[in-house]
Every structure is written in C-alpha cells, then in structure tokens.
Amino acid sequence: MSLSLQSQIESILFAKGEAMSLEALAEHTGADRQALQDALNDLEHTLAQEGSERGIRLVQTDTTAELATAPEASELIRSLNTKELTKRLGKAGLETLTIVLYQGPVSRRDIDYIRGVNSTSILRNLTIRGLIEQQESDDGTRALVYQPTTELLRHLGLSRREDLPQYNEIAGEVEQFYHEQNEPEDVSGPAEEESADVPSDQGAGETSRSNESTDSRTG
C-alpha cells in the first residue's frame, strides 16, 4: 500500500532530522509545489489538532519545513537544553539571540544600535552554533539580515516565533524604541568587540538599552 503525500513528507522529515527546503521535498516526493504545500498544511493540522497526543509538530517557514517537539513538551525539552545553551552563550549571547527572536529578520547595524555595543563576533558565534541564520533582506537592498533558525525554535519547544512570551508586545516596543531614537552616525565599532568564544560569565557587567527595557517590562 502506497503512502499518502502527507505520510511521505512526515517520513522524510523524520529521517532527515533537520529542516529541509521545499524544493528538496518536492524533488523527493515528485509533487508539485501546490500539492506539496497542501500536504504540509494538512500534516501541520494533523499533528496539532485538539486531542492529539503526538509529541511532534511541523514547523514551516517560507522555504523550509521541519519536524519539532510539541509545545506541550517544552518544559521537558527545555530542561534538557537550557543549561547547556546558557552555559555556552553567556549574557551577551542570550541578549543578542533575544533581539533576533523578537525582531528578526534584523540587520547587524540595528542589533548593534539596540544593544549599544558591536555584536559582530556574537552574531558569528550564534550562526556557527546554528541558532540564527543570515539571509538577504526582501526590501530590494540585498542587505544581510539575521533570523532565528528552525533548530532554535525546536530547542525552545516552539512551533513558530509568535508563540514566544508576549511576542507582539515586546516586538512592538523594541521596534518603537529603535525608530524613536536618532540614527547613530557610526555603529560599526561602538565598543570593543566580544571574543568569538563566549564564556558563561562574559558580558556580566554589560548593561544594554534593550536589556534594561525588557527587564522593566517583564520584571
């Protein structure tokens, strides 16, 4: 008995264990893009429907799809990953990662301005770890911007960024903060760049504008 397209996609994503491009999925299944998208939407609904006890969900972006853990398992997964992530990233890394999560796609220039320090090495560190990725902006300028990877969402037990705590409120306030400030004349080197290796205690004394803003809202 042949598998349905939905089942084929589920099997491929499970075996792959990471995000796959929609082009690759179409090639492996022999489906056209519309049929593939319909099947992906059906699979997402099947895995997330009310009453389902499935431990996995489908995470989609405009160009990729990936199986991830269910939001209901977030505490379990977080207990497996949080200690390792925080130990390796440190305060500066987590701060930068938060900006990308709530504001991405976001440029390095904007990240530097929000944090008040140069973030080049931190962004490189996060990219190497597979937590964020670089892409060209879609505004026609071909500028490079950063966004969270599906791997990061999977680590956090999320199906999409909008499931982050207070996503709309925090993202809106950070964007408003940025646009209300005067544009800096030069953000290429406002402070000494952090080293590529980010120990857990690095940045302990660093106080950024974005962190103060977040503390005041969530504290």
Protein backbone atom coordinates (compact mmCIF):
# COMPACT_ATOMS: atom_id res chain seq x y z
CA MET A 1 0.00 0.00 0.00
CA SER A 2 1.50 3.32 -1.07
CA LEU A 3 1.89 6.16 1.39
CA SER A 4 -0.07 9.38 1.05
CA LEU A 5 1.89 12.53 0.24
CA GLN A 6 1.38 13.71 3.81
CA SER A 7 2.87 10.47 5.17
CA GLN A 8 5.77 10.66 2.74
CA ILE A 9 6.62 14.14 3.96
CA GLU A 10 6.42 13.06 7.59
CA SER A 11 8.71 10.09 6.93
CA ILE A 12 11.27 12.16 5.03
CA LEU A 13 11.41 14.91 7.67
CA PHE A 14 11.71 12.37 10.47
CA ALA A 15 14.55 10.55 8.72
CA LYS A 16 16.32 13.79 7.84
CA GLY A 17 16.14 15.17 11.37
CA GLU A 18 16.60 18.77 10.27
CA ALA A 19 14.96 21.47 8.19
CA MET A 20 14.52 20.65 4.50
CA SER A 21 13.87 23.05 1.67
CA LEU A 22 10.51 22.84 -0.04
CA GLU A 23 12.36 22.32 -3.32
CA ALA A 24 14.06 19.22 -1.91
CA LEU A 25 10.79 17.86 -0.56
CA ALA A 26 9.13 18.38 -3.93
CA GLU A 27 12.00 16.60 -5.66
CA HIS A 28 11.91 13.60 -3.30
CA THR A 29 8.14 13.19 -3.40
CA GLY A 30 7.58 14.12 -7.04
CA ALA A 31 4.79 16.52 -6.02
CA ASP A 32 4.21 19.97 -7.47
CA ARG A 33 4.52 22.95 -5.15
CA GLN A 34 0.80 23.47 -4.61
CA ALA A 35 0.18 19.81 -3.78
CA LEU A 36 3.21 19.84 -1.51
CA GLN A 37 2.02 22.94 0.36
CA ASP A 38 -1.46 21.49 0.77
CA ALA A 39 0.01 18.30 2.20
CA LEU A 40 2.27 20.27 4.56
CA ASN A 41 -0.70 22.25 5.83
CA ASP A 42 -2.67 19.04 6.34
CA LEU A 43 0.25 17.48 8.22
CA GLU A 44 0.60 20.57 10.43
CA HIS A 45 -3.11 20.39 11.25
CA THR A 46 -2.99 16.63 11.89
CA LEU A 47 -0.09 16.90 14.33
CA ALA A 48 -1.51 19.92 16.18
CA GLN A 49 -5.23 19.11 16.25
CA GLU A 50 -7.03 19.23 19.59
CA GLY A 51 -6.86 15.97 21.49
CA SER A 52 -3.78 14.76 19.67
CA GLU A 53 -1.19 13.15 21.90
CA ARG A 54 1.56 13.38 19.31
CA GLY A 55 4.86 14.62 20.66
CA ILE A 56 5.92 16.31 17.45
CA ARG A 57 4.74 19.26 15.36
CA LEU A 58 5.51 20.61 11.91
CA VAL A 59 7.43 23.90 11.77
CA GLN A 60 7.22 25.77 8.47
CA THR A 61 8.93 28.81 7.04
CA ASP A 62 8.50 30.29 3.56
CA THR A 63 11.19 27.99 2.20
CA THR A 64 11.66 25.09 4.65
CA ALA A 65 9.82 22.54 6.77
CA GLU A 66 10.93 20.54 9.80
CA LEU A 67 9.54 18.25 12.48
CA ALA A 68 9.93 19.58 16.03
CA THR A 69 8.77 18.73 19.52
CA ALA A 70 5.27 19.67 20.62
CA PRO A 71 4.79 22.86 22.67
CA GLU A 72 3.33 20.72 25.46
CA ALA A 73 6.75 19.12 25.81
CA SER A 74 8.53 22.46 26.07
CA GLU A 75 9.38 22.15 29.78
CA LEU A 76 10.78 18.67 29.23
CA ILE A 77 12.87 19.77 26.27
CA ARG A 78 13.92 23.00 27.96
CA SER A 79 15.25 21.03 30.92
CA LEU A 80 17.46 19.10 28.51
CA ASN A 81 18.79 22.13 26.65
CA THR A 82 18.62 25.32 28.69
CA LYS A 83 21.59 24.62 30.96
CA GLU A 84 23.86 23.79 28.05
CA LEU A 85 22.69 26.76 25.97
CA THR A 86 23.04 29.35 28.73
CA LYS A 87 26.38 27.99 29.84
CA ARG A 88 27.85 28.35 26.40
CA LEU A 89 26.25 31.59 25.28
CA GLY A 90 26.50 33.84 28.31
CA LYS A 91 24.60 37.07 28.85
CA ALA A 92 25.76 38.83 25.68
CA GLY A 93 24.85 35.87 23.50
CA LEU A 94 21.41 35.45 25.05
CA GLU A 95 20.73 39.15 24.75
CA THR A 96 21.59 39.15 21.04
CA LEU A 97 19.61 35.97 20.49
CA THR A 98 16.56 37.57 22.12
CA ILE A 99 16.74 40.54 19.75
CA VAL A 100 16.90 38.23 16.73
CA LEU A 101 14.00 36.17 18.05
CA TYR A 102 11.73 39.14 18.64
CA GLN A 103 12.90 41.44 15.82
CA GLY A 104 14.26 39.18 13.07
CA PRO A 105 14.87 39.50 10.24
CA VAL A 106 17.10 42.23 11.65
CA SER A 107 20.40 43.71 10.44
CA ARG A 108 23.64 43.74 12.41
CA ARG A 109 23.54 47.53 12.35
CA ASP A 110 20.17 47.56 14.09
CA ILE A 111 21.29 44.92 16.60
CA ASP A 112 24.38 47.00 17.40
CA TYR A 113 22.25 50.09 17.94
CA ILE A 114 19.71 48.36 20.18
CA ARG A 115 22.44 46.74 22.31
CA GLY A 116 24.80 49.72 22.27
CA VAL A 117 27.84 47.56 21.50
CA ASN A 118 29.37 45.84 18.49
CA SER A 119 27.77 42.42 18.02
CA THR A 120 29.79 41.04 15.11
CA SER A 121 31.55 38.22 16.97
CA ILE A 122 28.41 37.30 18.94
CA LEU A 123 26.40 37.01 15.73
CA ARG A 124 29.13 34.87 14.17
CA ASN A 125 29.13 32.65 17.26
CA LEU A 126 25.34 32.20 17.17
CA THR A 127 25.43 31.50 13.44
CA ILE A 128 28.11 28.83 13.83
CA ARG A 129 26.00 27.16 16.51
CA GLY A 130 23.08 27.02 14.10
CA LEU A 131 20.80 29.18 16.27
CA ILE A 132 20.46 32.04 13.81
CA GLU A 133 20.97 32.31 10.07
CA GLN A 134 21.89 35.04 7.62
CA GLN A 135 19.87 35.90 4.54
CA GLU A 136 19.33 38.76 2.12
CA SER A 137 16.60 41.21 3.06
CA ASP A 138 13.49 41.23 0.92
CA ASP A 139 13.37 45.02 0.55
CA GLY A 140 15.45 45.03 -2.62
CA THR A 141 18.62 46.35 -0.97
CA ARG A 142 20.27 42.90 -0.75
CA ALA A 143 21.38 43.81 2.78
CA LEU A 144 22.16 40.87 5.05
CA VAL A 145 19.80 40.27 7.96
CA TYR A 146 19.56 37.68 10.74
CA GLN A 147 16.65 35.49 11.74
CA PRO A 148 16.21 32.52 14.12
CA THR A 149 16.61 29.04 12.67
CA THR A 150 14.05 26.27 12.95
CA GLU A 151 16.68 24.50 15.05
CA LEU A 152 16.42 27.28 17.65
CA LEU A 153 12.62 27.10 17.63
CA ARG A 154 12.90 23.35 18.13
CA HIS A 155 15.25 23.86 21.10
CA LEU A 156 12.71 26.24 22.64
CA GLY A 157 9.79 23.88 22.03
CA LEU A 158 8.03 26.38 19.75
CA SER A 159 6.15 25.86 16.50
CA ARG A 160 6.62 29.48 15.45
CA ARG A 161 8.12 32.70 16.80
CA GLU A 162 4.70 34.14 17.56
CA ASP A 163 4.45 31.59 20.40
CA LEU A 164 7.19 33.41 22.31
CA PRO A 165 6.03 35.05 25.57
CA GLN A 166 4.49 38.50 24.95
CA TYR A 167 5.75 38.35 21.36
CA ASN A 168 3.58 41.10 19.88
CA GLU A 169 4.04 43.45 22.85
CA ILE A 170 7.82 43.11 23.15
CA ALA A 171 8.50 43.10 19.41
CA GLY A 172 6.37 46.22 19.00
CA GLU A 173 8.02 48.08 21.86
CA VAL A 174 11.55 47.28 20.69
CA GLU A 175 10.70 48.44 17.18
CA GLN A 176 9.15 51.63 18.56
CA PHE A 177 12.20 52.25 20.75
CA TYR A 178 14.50 51.94 17.76
CA HIS A 179 12.54 54.22 15.47
CA GLU A 180 12.09 56.90 18.15
CA GLN A 181 15.83 57.27 18.65
CA ASN A 182 18.13 59.31 16.49
CA GLU A 183 20.06 57.25 13.98
CA PRO A 184 23.66 56.79 15.16
CA GLU A 185 26.38 58.24 12.96
CA ASP A 186 28.55 55.16 13.21
CA VAL A 187 27.65 51.83 14.77
CA SER A 188 30.45 49.82 13.19
CA GLY A 189 32.51 49.90 16.34
CA PRO A 190 30.74 51.47 19.33
CA ALA A 191 32.52 49.22 21.77
CA GLU A 192 35.25 46.63 21.79
CA GLU A 193 34.03 43.52 20.03
CA GLU A 194 33.39 40.46 22.15
CA SER A 195 35.65 37.48 21.52
CA ALA A 196 34.42 34.64 19.31
CA ASP A 197 34.32 32.24 22.25
CA VAL A 198 31.57 33.37 24.58
CA PRO A 199 32.08 32.02 28.14
CA SER A 200 29.16 31.90 30.53
CA ASP A 201 30.38 34.89 32.56
CA GLN A 202 31.16 37.15 29.61
CA GLY A 203 29.09 40.28 29.47
CA ALA A 204 28.10 40.02 33.14
CA GLY A 205 28.81 43.69 33.63
CA GLU A 206 27.42 44.79 30.30
CA THR A 207 24.25 46.83 30.56
CA SER A 208 22.46 47.40 27.27
CA ARG A 209 19.50 49.53 26.48
CA SER A 210 17.44 46.60 25.21
CA ASN A 211 18.05 44.54 28.36
CA GLU A 212 17.02 47.39 30.63
CA SER A 213 13.87 47.89 28.56
CA THR A 214 12.96 44.20 28.73
CA ASP A 215 13.62 43.99 32.49
CA SER A 216 11.37 46.96 33.14
CA ARG A 217 8.52 45.37 31.23
CA THR A 218 8.80 41.81 32.45
CA GLY A 219 10.10 42.34 35.98
